[in-house]
């Protein structure tokens, strides 16, 4: 028996498509995943700032006193009157705790006689030679230094240093004595401030000018900028 033929529209098969909302969620998740991972890797309290190393420039300003020669007032072998001292240095951290640098220091000596002091309080070459000599003169030091930094905490470091160089004396405190080889040691305390690049410190510095045997003792704060 022949079946009746349907003349109506043929129903179409439904094709399933992924929901648009799910596709959007996948794209958003892929976009923000790196940011979420980076945020999760950083402690909520922040990471401690590491002190900078590399090329640096420091400036110190303080006082210095000369040990050597005789005092004009009474001829005693006592330290001279403290005078202003300026130091400028440039260096580089070759290792995490070791640095090399060049230093220029400028100070003055007042009322010190490297010859003989007369009864009238004048500075002369010797008791037999009454040639007047300078009792006030500047000391300009140019040299190299090596320093080591021992951590005392995250931002605090102890910094011993060794100086080697030449000291110029002007005017000459004795005939023909206008300078000499200089050697010295210093002990400093450094604090890496929360301000990036900046370090504050204070130094006690001792130097010897070989020849006239001038000893100088200085105390000065320093400001260091690390590039």
Protein backbone atom coordinates (compact mmCIF):
# COMPACT_ATOMS: atom_id res chain seq x y z
CA UNK A 1 0.00 0.00 0.00
CA UNK A 2 1.50 3.36 -0.99
CA UNK A 3 2.26 5.76 1.85
CA UNK A 4 0.98 9.32 1.51
CA UNK A 5 3.63 11.82 0.52
CA UNK A 6 4.28 14.80 2.87
CA UNK A 7 4.15 18.08 1.05
CA UNK A 8 5.04 20.33 3.99
CA UNK A 9 8.52 21.88 4.70
CA UNK A 10 11.23 19.43 5.68
CA UNK A 11 12.46 20.08 9.25
CA UNK A 12 16.16 21.04 9.33
CA UNK A 13 18.71 19.38 11.60
CA UNK A 14 19.94 21.60 14.45
CA UNK A 15 23.71 22.39 14.54
CA UNK A 16 25.18 22.98 18.00
CA UNK A 17 27.51 25.98 18.46
CA UNK A 18 29.63 26.66 21.57
CA UNK A 19 28.02 29.32 23.73
CA UNK A 20 29.47 32.77 23.12
CA UNK A 21 29.69 33.41 26.85
CA UNK A 22 32.03 30.43 27.37
CA UNK A 23 34.31 31.57 24.55
CA UNK A 24 34.53 35.07 26.06
CA UNK A 25 35.41 33.64 29.48
CA UNK A 26 38.26 31.61 27.97
CA UNK A 27 39.72 34.67 26.26
CA UNK A 28 39.53 36.82 29.41
CA UNK A 29 41.13 34.10 31.53
CA UNK A 30 44.00 33.70 29.07
CA UNK A 31 44.57 37.45 29.06
CA UNK A 32 44.72 37.98 32.83
CA UNK A 33 46.48 34.74 33.80
CA UNK A 34 50.04 36.16 33.48
CA UNK A 35 49.13 39.13 35.64
CA UNK A 36 47.57 36.91 38.28
CA UNK A 37 50.63 34.66 38.35
CA UNK A 38 52.99 37.65 38.72
CA UNK A 39 50.90 39.06 41.54
CA UNK A 40 50.85 35.73 43.32
CA UNK A 41 54.67 35.50 43.09
CA UNK A 42 55.13 38.87 44.87
CA UNK A 43 54.62 38.91 48.64
CA UNK A 44 51.76 41.12 49.76
CA UNK A 45 54.18 43.05 52.00
CA UNK A 46 56.59 43.82 49.14
CA UNK A 47 60.12 42.67 48.52
CA UNK A 48 63.03 44.32 50.42
CA UNK A 49 64.95 46.81 48.32
CA UNK A 50 68.48 45.63 47.60
CA UNK A 51 71.32 48.19 48.00
CA UNK A 52 72.64 49.25 44.62
CA UNK A 53 76.13 48.34 43.40
CA UNK A 54 78.19 49.60 40.48
CA UNK A 55 79.57 53.03 39.63
CA UNK A 56 79.27 55.51 42.51
CA UNK A 57 80.19 59.05 43.51
CA UNK A 58 80.60 60.18 47.12
CA UNK A 59 81.18 63.51 48.86
CA UNK A 60 82.32 64.01 52.45
CA UNK A 61 82.54 67.19 54.50
CA UNK A 62 83.87 67.33 58.04
CA UNK A 63 86.88 68.29 60.15
CA UNK A 64 90.50 67.20 60.35
CA UNK A 65 93.35 67.77 62.79
CA UNK A 66 97.12 67.44 62.26
CA UNK A 67 99.32 65.43 64.61
CA UNK A 68 102.96 66.37 64.10
CA UNK A 69 105.21 69.37 64.49
CA UNK A 70 105.00 71.90 67.32
CA UNK A 71 102.20 74.20 68.34
CA UNK A 72 103.08 77.86 67.90
CA UNK A 73 101.56 79.04 71.16
CA UNK A 74 103.71 76.93 73.47
CA UNK A 75 105.84 74.63 71.30
CA UNK A 76 103.97 71.57 72.54
CA UNK A 77 103.51 68.49 70.37
CA UNK A 78 99.73 68.63 70.48
CA UNK A 79 97.03 68.19 67.80
CA UNK A 80 96.39 71.27 65.70
CA UNK A 81 93.18 73.26 65.76
CA UNK A 82 90.51 71.34 63.81
CA UNK A 83 89.87 72.70 60.32
CA UNK A 84 87.37 72.00 57.56
CA UNK A 85 87.92 69.00 55.31
CA UNK A 86 86.39 68.14 51.91
CA UNK A 87 86.63 64.78 50.17
CA UNK A 88 85.33 63.74 46.75
CA UNK A 89 85.58 60.20 45.42
CA UNK A 90 84.51 58.08 42.50
CA UNK A 91 84.62 54.30 42.43
CA UNK A 92 83.15 51.05 41.25
CA UNK A 93 81.94 47.93 43.07
CA UNK A 94 84.01 45.23 41.39
CA UNK A 95 82.44 42.61 43.69
CA UNK A 96 79.44 42.59 45.96
CA UNK A 97 81.57 43.64 48.96
CA UNK A 98 84.75 44.98 47.32
CA UNK A 99 85.17 48.39 45.67
CA UNK A 100 88.01 50.33 44.04
CA UNK A 101 88.11 54.09 43.69
CA UNK A 102 89.95 57.38 43.29
CA UNK A 103 89.88 60.03 46.00
CA UNK A 104 90.65 63.73 46.29
CA UNK A 105 90.83 65.28 49.75
CA UNK A 106 91.46 68.90 50.72
CA UNK A 107 92.22 70.07 54.25
CA UNK A 108 94.32 72.61 56.10
CA UNK A 109 96.80 72.72 58.96
CA UNK A 110 96.88 75.77 61.20
CA UNK A 111 99.48 76.83 63.74
CA UNK A 112 101.83 73.87 63.28
CA UNK A 113 105.57 74.35 62.94
CA UNK A 114 107.68 71.60 61.39
CA UNK A 115 110.89 73.48 62.21
CA UNK A 116 111.62 75.24 65.50
CA UNK A 117 109.47 77.63 67.53
CA UNK A 118 111.21 80.71 68.93
CA UNK A 119 110.50 82.29 72.28
CA UNK A 120 108.45 84.92 70.44
CA UNK A 121 106.20 82.20 68.96
CA UNK A 122 107.59 82.35 65.40
CA UNK A 123 108.21 79.33 63.20
CA UNK A 124 111.77 79.14 61.83
CA UNK A 125 113.83 76.52 60.00
CA UNK A 126 115.91 75.60 63.05
CA UNK A 127 117.40 77.05 66.20
CA UNK A 128 120.48 78.16 64.21
CA UNK A 129 118.65 79.09 61.00
CA UNK A 130 116.14 81.86 61.62
CA UNK A 131 114.54 81.62 58.19
CA UNK A 132 110.81 82.10 58.63
CA UNK A 133 108.70 79.07 57.71
CA UNK A 134 104.99 78.58 57.09
CA UNK A 135 102.90 77.37 60.00
CA UNK A 136 99.59 77.42 58.11
CA UNK A 137 99.39 75.30 54.97
CA UNK A 138 96.94 73.22 52.97
CA UNK A 139 97.06 69.48 52.42
CA UNK A 140 95.70 68.18 49.11
CA UNK A 141 95.57 64.40 48.83
CA UNK A 142 95.17 62.54 45.52
CA UNK A 143 95.18 58.76 45.53
CA UNK A 144 93.49 55.41 45.14
CA UNK A 145 91.58 53.39 47.67
CA UNK A 146 90.27 49.90 48.17
CA UNK A 147 87.31 49.27 50.45
CA UNK A 148 85.51 46.27 51.85
CA UNK A 149 81.91 46.29 53.07
CA UNK A 150 80.85 43.95 55.83
CA UNK A 151 77.05 43.72 56.21
CA UNK A 152 75.72 44.39 59.70
CA UNK A 153 72.11 44.19 58.57
CA UNK A 154 70.11 44.48 55.39
CA UNK A 155 70.88 48.19 54.91
CA UNK A 156 73.79 48.73 57.36
CA UNK A 157 77.42 47.97 56.47
CA UNK A 158 80.83 48.42 58.08
CA UNK A 159 83.38 49.74 55.57
CA UNK A 160 87.15 49.62 56.29
CA UNK A 161 89.31 51.26 53.58
CA UNK A 162 92.97 51.64 52.62
CA UNK A 163 94.37 54.80 50.94
CA UNK A 164 97.55 55.17 48.89
CA UNK A 165 98.56 58.36 47.09
CA UNK A 166 100.40 61.66 47.23
CA UNK A 167 99.86 64.67 49.49
CA UNK A 168 100.70 68.19 48.28
CA UNK A 169 101.67 70.79 50.91
CA UNK A 170 101.23 74.46 50.03
CA UNK A 171 103.01 76.61 51.04
CA UNK A 172 105.91 74.34 51.94
CA UNK A 173 106.16 74.02 55.75
CA UNK A 174 109.92 73.51 55.40
CA UNK A 175 112.44 74.37 52.72
CA UNK A 176 112.06 71.93 49.83
CA UNK A 177 109.21 70.05 51.54
CA UNK A 178 106.17 70.54 49.33
CA UNK A 179 104.66 67.06 49.52
CA UNK A 180 105.14 63.40 50.24
CA UNK A 181 103.82 59.90 49.81
CA UNK A 182 100.60 59.39 51.72
CA UNK A 183 99.13 56.24 53.21
CA UNK A 184 96.08 55.90 55.39
CA UNK A 185 93.27 53.77 56.71
CA UNK A 186 89.65 54.62 57.40
CA UNK A 187 86.71 52.98 59.11
CA UNK A 188 83.24 53.91 57.99
CA UNK A 189 79.63 53.04 58.69
CA UNK A 190 77.21 53.09 55.75
CA UNK A 191 73.42 53.04 55.62
CA UNK A 192 71.59 52.39 52.34
CA UNK A 193 68.61 54.73 52.64
CA UNK A 194 65.09 53.91 51.40
CA UNK A 195 65.74 56.52 48.71
CA UNK A 196 67.00 54.60 45.70
CA UNK A 197 70.64 55.39 44.73
CA UNK A 198 71.49 57.22 48.00
CA UNK A 199 73.70 55.98 50.87
CA UNK A 200 74.67 57.92 54.00
CA UNK A 201 77.80 57.25 56.02
CA UNK A 202 80.27 58.55 58.55
CA UNK A 203 84.06 57.96 58.48
CA UNK A 204 87.01 58.16 60.84
CA UNK A 205 90.12 58.61 58.71
CA UNK A 206 93.83 58.51 59.60
CA UNK A 207 96.60 59.42 57.14
CA UNK A 208 100.37 59.73 57.26
CA UNK A 209 102.50 61.91 55.00
CA UNK A 210 105.86 60.15 54.79
CA UNK A 211 108.83 62.51 55.05
CA UNK A 212 107.54 65.26 57.31
CA UNK A 213 105.74 62.51 59.28
CA UNK A 214 102.50 64.46 59.36
CA UNK A 215 99.64 62.51 60.86
CA UNK A 216 96.12 63.71 60.17
CA UNK A 217 92.95 62.48 61.82
CA UNK A 218 89.60 63.29 60.25
CA UNK A 219 85.93 62.79 61.01
CA UNK A 220 83.32 63.46 58.35
CA UNK A 221 79.89 62.31 57.17
CA UNK A 222 79.52 61.15 53.56
CA UNK A 223 76.78 61.04 50.96
CA UNK A 224 77.12 58.42 48.21
CA UNK A 225 75.16 58.19 44.99
CA UNK A 226 75.22 54.88 43.09
CA UNK A 227 74.25 55.09 39.45
